[in-house]
Amino acid sequence: MKYTTKKGYTGTIRKIWTDDKSKVLGVVGEIGDLLKEGILESCTQYSHDTWMCIPVADFDTAAGFGATRDEAVRNAIFRK
């Protein structure tokens, strides 16, 4: 997986791509930044500095949470 961001963006949000950058797999970032950018509407279960990975909507996917970016990605489910 590769992570990318917009040029000049300084927040935590990153797009997650396949290694060959042919497909976007989802986004990952701290909940506070995801709320600020409007990617999430609300989140009361976790603190704003918790990381969240949101896979692209597919048949069998689930968001992952963690203390770090890598942990959130590991906890997410990316399946078709």
C-alpha atoms as a PDB file:
ATOM      1  CA  MET A   1       0.000   0.000   0.000  1.00  0.00           C
ATOM      2  CA  LYS A   2       1.037   3.554  -0.652  1.00  0.00           C
ATOM      3  CA  TYR A   3      -0.182   6.728   1.048  1.00  0.00           C
ATOM      4  CA  THR A   4      -0.664  10.009  -0.798  1.00  0.00           C
ATOM      5  CA  THR A   5      -1.879  13.486   0.078  1.00  0.00           C
ATOM      6  CA  LYS A   6      -2.588  16.739  -1.689  1.00  0.00           C
ATOM      7  CA  LYS A   7       0.406  18.979  -2.242  1.00  0.00           C
ATOM      8  CA  GLY A   8       0.670  21.496   0.585  1.00  0.00           C
ATOM      9  CA  TYR A   9      -1.774  19.644   2.890  1.00  0.00           C
ATOM     10  CA  THR A  10      -0.354  19.367   6.420  1.00  0.00           C
ATOM     11  CA  GLY A  11      -3.056  17.279   8.165  1.00  0.00           C
ATOM     12  CA  THR A  12      -3.059  13.557   8.848  1.00  0.00           C
ATOM     13  CA  ILE A  13      -5.448  12.387   6.115  1.00  0.00           C
ATOM     14  CA  ARG A  14      -3.978  10.190   3.384  1.00  0.00           C
ATOM     15  CA  LYS A  15      -5.462   8.254   0.467  1.00  0.00           C
ATOM     16  CA  ILE A  16      -4.505   4.585   0.487  1.00  0.00           C
ATOM     17  CA  TRP A  17      -3.519   3.133  -2.907  1.00  0.00           C
ATOM     18  CA  THR A  18      -2.446  -0.267  -4.150  1.00  0.00           C
ATOM     19  CA  ASP A  19       1.326  -0.602  -4.596  1.00  0.00           C
ATOM     20  CA  ASP A  20       1.018   0.059  -8.340  1.00  0.00           C
ATOM     21  CA  LYS A  21      -1.306   3.070  -7.676  1.00  0.00           C
ATOM     22  CA  SER A  22      -4.000   1.576  -9.913  1.00  0.00           C
ATOM     23  CA  LYS A  23      -6.795   1.599  -7.311  1.00  0.00           C
ATOM     24  CA  VAL A  24      -7.722   3.684  -4.257  1.00  0.00           C
ATOM     25  CA  LEU A  25      -8.359   1.395  -1.295  1.00  0.00           C
ATOM     26  CA  GLY A  26      -9.615   4.046   1.141  1.00  0.00           C
ATOM     27  CA  VAL A  27      -8.523   6.903   3.384  1.00  0.00           C
ATOM     28  CA  VAL A  28      -6.819   7.047   6.771  1.00  0.00           C
ATOM     29  CA  GLY A  29      -6.368   9.898   9.228  1.00  0.00           C
ATOM     30  CA  GLU A  30      -6.990  11.112  12.745  1.00  0.00           C
ATOM     31  CA  ILE A  31     -10.693  11.378  13.571  1.00  0.00           C
ATOM     32  CA  GLY A  32     -10.370  15.109  14.311  1.00  0.00           C
ATOM     33  CA  ASP A  33      -9.042  15.774  10.798  1.00  0.00           C
ATOM     34  CA  LEU A  34     -11.662  13.494   9.197  1.00  0.00           C
ATOM     35  CA  LEU A  35     -14.385  15.502  10.993  1.00  0.00           C
ATOM     36  CA  LYS A  36     -12.800  18.839  10.073  1.00  0.00           C
ATOM     37  CA  GLU A  37     -12.658  17.919   6.370  1.00  0.00           C
ATOM     38  CA  GLY A  38     -16.246  16.612   6.344  1.00  0.00           C
ATOM     39  CA  ILE A  39     -15.322  12.997   5.629  1.00  0.00           C
ATOM     40  CA  LEU A  40     -17.043  12.015   8.901  1.00  0.00           C
ATOM     41  CA  GLU A  41     -20.200  13.681  10.147  1.00  0.00           C
ATOM     42  CA  SER A  42     -19.730  12.720  13.798  1.00  0.00           C
ATOM     43  CA  CYS A  43     -17.841  10.343  16.047  1.00  0.00           C
ATOM     44  CA  THR A  44     -18.541  10.216  19.780  1.00  0.00           C
ATOM     45  CA  GLN A  45     -17.085   6.792  20.537  1.00  0.00           C
ATOM     46  CA  TYR A  46     -13.396   7.675  20.004  1.00  0.00           C
ATOM     47  CA  SER A  47     -11.189  10.677  20.789  1.00  0.00           C
ATOM     48  CA  HIS A  48     -10.187  13.055  18.004  1.00  0.00           C
ATOM     49  CA  ASP A  49      -6.552  11.895  18.056  1.00  0.00           C
ATOM     50  CA  THR A  50      -7.481   8.245  17.368  1.00  0.00           C
ATOM     51  CA  TRP A  51      -6.623   7.058  13.862  1.00  0.00           C
ATOM     52  CA  MET A  52      -9.363   5.722  11.584  1.00  0.00           C
ATOM     53  CA  CYS A  53      -9.075   3.860   8.292  1.00  0.00           C
ATOM     54  CA  ILE A  54     -12.116   3.993   6.015  1.00  0.00           C
ATOM     55  CA  PRO A  55     -11.969   1.469   3.149  1.00  0.00           C
ATOM     56  CA  VAL A  56     -13.667   2.234  -0.148  1.00  0.00           C
ATOM     57  CA  ALA A  57     -17.276   1.045   0.123  1.00  0.00           C
ATOM     58  CA  ASP A  58     -17.458  -2.503  -1.128  1.00  0.00           C
ATOM     59  CA  PHE A  59     -19.356  -5.667  -0.293  1.00  0.00           C
ATOM     60  CA  ASP A  60     -17.461  -6.710   2.833  1.00  0.00           C
ATOM     61  CA  THR A  61     -15.478  -3.803   4.281  1.00  0.00           C
ATOM     62  CA  ALA A  62     -15.225  -2.323   7.759  1.00  0.00           C
ATOM     63  CA  ALA A  63     -13.466   0.710   9.195  1.00  0.00           C
ATOM     64  CA  GLY A  64     -10.477   0.191  11.455  1.00  0.00           C
ATOM     65  CA  PHE A  65      -9.364   2.197  14.489  1.00  0.00           C
ATOM     66  CA  GLY A  66      -6.009   2.398  16.222  1.00  0.00           C
ATOM     67  CA  ALA A  67      -3.454   4.441  18.105  1.00  0.00           C
ATOM     68  CA  THR A  68      -1.327   4.752  14.937  1.00  0.00           C
ATOM     69  CA  ARG A  69      -1.932   4.951  11.193  1.00  0.00           C
ATOM     70  CA  ASP A  70      -0.555   1.447  10.634  1.00  0.00           C
ATOM     71  CA  GLU A  71      -2.690  -0.045  13.410  1.00  0.00           C
ATOM     72  CA  ALA A  72      -5.865   1.515  11.981  1.00  0.00           C
ATOM     73  CA  VAL A  73      -5.064   0.142   8.512  1.00  0.00           C
ATOM     74  CA  ARG A  74      -4.310  -3.320   9.966  1.00  0.00           C
ATOM     75  CA  ASN A  75      -7.664  -3.291  11.819  1.00  0.00           C
ATOM     76  CA  ALA A  76      -9.687  -2.335   8.732  1.00  0.00           C
ATOM     77  CA  ILE A  77     -11.238  -4.987   6.524  1.00  0.00           C
ATOM     78  CA  PHE A  78     -10.506  -4.715   2.793  1.00  0.00           C
ATOM     79  CA  ARG A  79     -12.476  -7.475   1.066  1.00  0.00           C
ATOM     80  CA  LYS A  80     -14.705  -7.815  -1.940  1.00  0.00           C
END
